[in-house]
Amino acid sequence: MTTNPQSRLIPRALGLTVTLLAALFLSTACGHAEGHDHDHGEDGHEHGDGGDGDHDEARPIPGPRFVGTVTLADEFADLDGQRTLFIVVKARNGPPMPRAVHRVDAAHLPYAFDIGPEHVMLQTDNPEVMLQGDLVIYARLDADGSALSGPDDIESAEADAREGEPITLDMNARSEP
């Protein structure tokens, strides 16, 4: 039995299309609102504000919530406040497209986050459904502000995304090319 060489290209093209659509969505829908005030705690660092976000004007929507803190390894301390932070929730096994993304420009770390249905990527009548199932969460400090990872980005390891359990994401490694 012979296989059509083009049949192998279809899944690859579909995966690339999904990734490019996610990147386009992040670069347009997550554009920084001019004049948005950032919440700085007593320690002088920027902190999340109950799902309101420091990047978008989304209001919390009832449903699953993932809360925690993003930290930065000491070896990358000079990058604090210099890059865009992406906190990403995605299916452990499934398409590479994120289920939910929270973006923070010029992020100061540590950063307290609260991700919920208002951060879901797909427009749907039931965004809370997108935050159910076997999910993982990770953080990336992006060098160029784009949704796609690059060799100069700093990432955390993936962690289990469990509602109601505080999550710590320690960004301590460069992205793999």
Protein backbone atom coordinates (compact mmCIF):
# COMPACT_ATOMS: atom_id res chain seq x y z
CA MET A 1 0.00 0.00 0.00
CA THR A 2 1.38 3.40 -0.94
CA THR A 3 0.58 6.63 0.78
CA ASN A 4 0.08 9.92 -0.91
CA PRO A 5 2.94 12.24 0.16
CA GLN A 6 0.47 15.13 0.29
CA SER A 7 -1.60 13.33 2.95
CA ARG A 8 1.25 13.86 5.44
CA LEU A 9 1.30 17.58 4.71
CA ILE A 10 -2.33 18.17 5.67
CA PRO A 11 -1.91 17.60 9.46
CA ARG A 12 1.27 19.73 9.45
CA ALA A 13 -0.46 22.55 7.55
CA LEU A 14 -3.44 22.38 9.92
CA GLY A 15 -1.16 22.60 12.97
CA LEU A 16 0.69 25.57 11.48
CA THR A 17 -2.62 27.26 10.63
CA VAL A 18 -3.87 26.85 14.22
CA THR A 19 -0.60 28.24 15.61
CA LEU A 20 -0.65 31.22 13.25
CA LEU A 21 -4.31 31.97 14.08
CA ALA A 22 -3.47 31.89 17.80
CA ALA A 23 -0.55 34.26 17.20
CA LEU A 24 -2.74 36.62 15.18
CA PHE A 25 -5.42 36.60 17.87
CA LEU A 26 -2.89 37.34 20.62
CA SER A 27 -1.27 40.16 18.72
CA THR A 28 -4.57 41.87 17.91
CA ALA A 29 -7.08 40.99 20.63
CA CYS A 30 -4.58 41.35 23.43
CA GLY A 31 -3.34 44.79 22.36
CA HIS A 32 -2.33 46.94 25.32
CA ALA A 33 -4.88 49.55 26.36
CA GLU A 34 -3.29 52.97 26.44
CA GLY A 35 -3.36 54.69 29.79
CA HIS A 36 -4.25 51.54 31.75
CA ASP A 37 -3.11 51.84 35.32
CA HIS A 38 -1.13 48.96 36.75
CA ASP A 39 -1.64 47.65 40.27
CA HIS A 40 1.61 47.74 42.22
CA GLY A 41 1.75 46.07 45.62
CA GLU A 42 3.66 47.23 48.67
CA ASP A 43 6.74 45.46 47.32
CA GLY A 44 6.67 47.71 44.22
CA HIS A 45 5.93 44.79 41.89
CA GLU A 46 2.98 44.58 39.57
CA HIS A 47 0.24 42.20 40.64
CA GLY A 48 -2.84 40.68 39.06
CA ASP A 49 -6.13 42.09 40.18
CA GLY A 50 -8.68 39.33 40.43
CA GLY A 51 -8.93 38.47 36.74
CA ASP A 52 -9.19 42.08 35.61
CA GLY A 53 -5.73 41.70 34.21
CA ASP A 54 -3.02 44.24 33.75
CA HIS A 55 -3.32 44.02 30.04
CA ASP A 56 -6.93 43.76 29.04
CA GLU A 57 -10.17 45.15 30.39
CA ALA A 58 -11.88 41.76 30.78
CA ARG A 59 -14.20 41.37 33.75
CA PRO A 60 -14.30 38.06 35.66
CA ILE A 61 -16.80 35.52 34.36
CA PRO A 62 -18.10 32.77 36.65
CA GLY A 63 -16.38 29.46 36.05
CA PRO A 64 -13.10 27.67 36.72
CA ARG A 65 -10.25 29.88 37.98
CA PHE A 66 -6.54 29.19 38.09
CA VAL A 67 -4.55 31.33 40.50
CA GLY A 68 -0.92 31.51 41.38
CA THR A 69 2.34 33.35 41.04
CA VAL A 70 4.93 33.65 38.28
CA THR A 71 8.50 34.03 39.50
CA LEU A 72 11.76 34.68 37.67
CA ALA A 73 15.04 32.87 38.38
CA ASP A 74 17.78 35.13 39.77
CA GLU A 75 19.96 34.56 36.71
CA PHE A 76 17.34 36.41 34.59
CA ALA A 77 16.63 39.23 37.10
CA ASP A 78 17.91 41.87 34.65
CA LEU A 79 14.89 41.10 32.41
CA ASP A 80 12.34 42.07 35.10
CA GLY A 81 10.04 44.75 33.68
CA GLN A 82 11.61 44.50 30.23
CA ARG A 83 9.48 41.89 28.49
CA THR A 84 5.96 40.68 27.79
CA LEU A 85 4.62 37.92 30.04
CA PHE A 86 2.28 35.28 28.66
CA ILE A 87 0.52 32.86 31.01
CA VAL A 88 -0.96 30.06 28.94
CA VAL A 89 -3.50 27.33 29.73
CA LYS A 90 -3.72 24.49 27.23
CA ALA A 91 -4.86 20.88 26.97
CA ARG A 92 -2.25 18.40 28.16
CA ASN A 93 -2.91 16.19 25.13
CA GLY A 94 -4.50 17.84 22.17
CA PRO A 95 -4.08 20.65 19.68
CA PRO A 96 -1.29 23.12 20.43
CA MET A 97 -3.67 26.11 20.45
CA PRO A 98 -3.98 27.65 23.92
CA ARG A 99 -7.31 27.43 25.69
CA ALA A 100 -6.73 30.67 27.63
CA VAL A 101 -4.01 33.33 27.66
CA HIS A 102 -3.25 36.22 29.99
CA ARG A 103 -0.78 38.78 28.62
CA VAL A 104 1.08 41.45 30.62
CA ASP A 105 3.34 43.99 28.92
CA ALA A 106 6.54 45.02 30.73
CA ALA A 107 5.78 42.52 33.49
CA HIS A 108 7.35 42.96 36.91
CA LEU A 109 7.91 39.73 38.77
CA PRO A 110 6.81 38.06 40.93
CA TYR A 111 3.38 38.41 39.34
CA ALA A 112 0.15 37.15 40.92
CA PHE A 113 -2.31 35.85 38.33
CA ASP A 114 -5.96 34.85 38.22
CA ILE A 115 -7.05 33.23 34.95
CA GLY A 116 -10.67 32.43 34.22
CA PRO A 117 -13.19 32.17 31.38
CA GLU A 118 -12.62 35.82 30.40
CA HIS A 119 -9.16 34.77 29.15
CA VAL A 120 -10.46 31.99 26.86
CA MET A 121 -9.18 32.27 23.29
CA LEU A 122 -12.27 31.05 21.43
CA GLN A 123 -15.42 33.10 21.39
CA THR A 124 -18.12 30.79 22.67
CA ASP A 125 -21.36 30.98 24.61
CA ASN A 126 -19.82 28.75 27.31
CA PRO A 127 -16.17 29.79 27.77
CA GLU A 128 -15.99 27.96 31.11
CA VAL A 129 -16.12 24.64 29.21
CA MET A 130 -12.73 25.48 27.65
CA LEU A 131 -11.18 25.44 31.14
CA GLN A 132 -12.27 21.91 31.99
CA GLY A 133 -10.45 18.65 31.44
CA ASP A 134 -6.81 17.67 31.71
CA LEU A 135 -5.05 21.05 31.44
CA VAL A 136 -1.55 22.41 31.98
CA ILE A 137 -0.38 25.97 32.55
CA TYR A 138 2.96 27.62 31.88
CA ALA A 139 4.48 31.09 31.68
CA ARG A 140 6.76 32.67 29.08
CA LEU A 141 8.65 35.95 29.24
CA ASP A 142 8.75 36.93 25.58
CA ALA A 143 11.63 38.93 24.13
CA ASP A 144 9.76 40.45 21.18
CA GLY A 145 6.18 40.55 22.51
CA SER A 146 4.88 38.12 19.89
CA ALA A 147 2.70 35.14 20.74
CA LEU A 148 5.17 32.72 19.18
CA SER A 149 8.09 31.55 21.29
CA GLY A 150 11.62 32.38 20.25
CA PRO A 151 15.15 31.46 21.31
CA ASP A 152 15.55 34.48 23.61
CA ASP A 153 12.35 33.81 25.57
CA ILE A 154 12.38 32.54 29.16
CA GLU A 155 9.87 29.86 30.17
CA SER A 156 8.58 27.93 33.12
CA ALA A 157 7.92 24.22 33.09
CA GLU A 158 4.32 23.15 32.54
CA ALA A 159 2.33 22.61 35.73
CA ASP A 160 -0.99 20.90 36.32
CA ALA A 161 -3.80 23.45 36.07
CA ARG A 162 -6.08 22.56 38.98
CA GLU A 163 -8.82 24.87 40.06
CA GLY A 164 -8.52 26.12 43.63
CA GLU A 165 -4.88 25.04 44.09
CA PRO A 166 -2.25 27.81 44.07
CA ILE A 167 0.20 27.36 41.20
CA THR A 168 3.80 28.58 41.14
CA LEU A 169 5.40 29.00 37.73
CA ASP A 170 9.17 29.59 38.01
CA MET A 171 10.60 30.92 34.76
CA ASN A 172 14.10 29.48 34.80
CA ALA A 173 14.99 28.24 31.32
CA ARG A 174 15.44 29.64 27.83
CA SER A 175 12.91 28.48 25.21
CA GLU A 176 14.03 25.69 22.99
CA PRO A 177 14.41 26.71 19.33
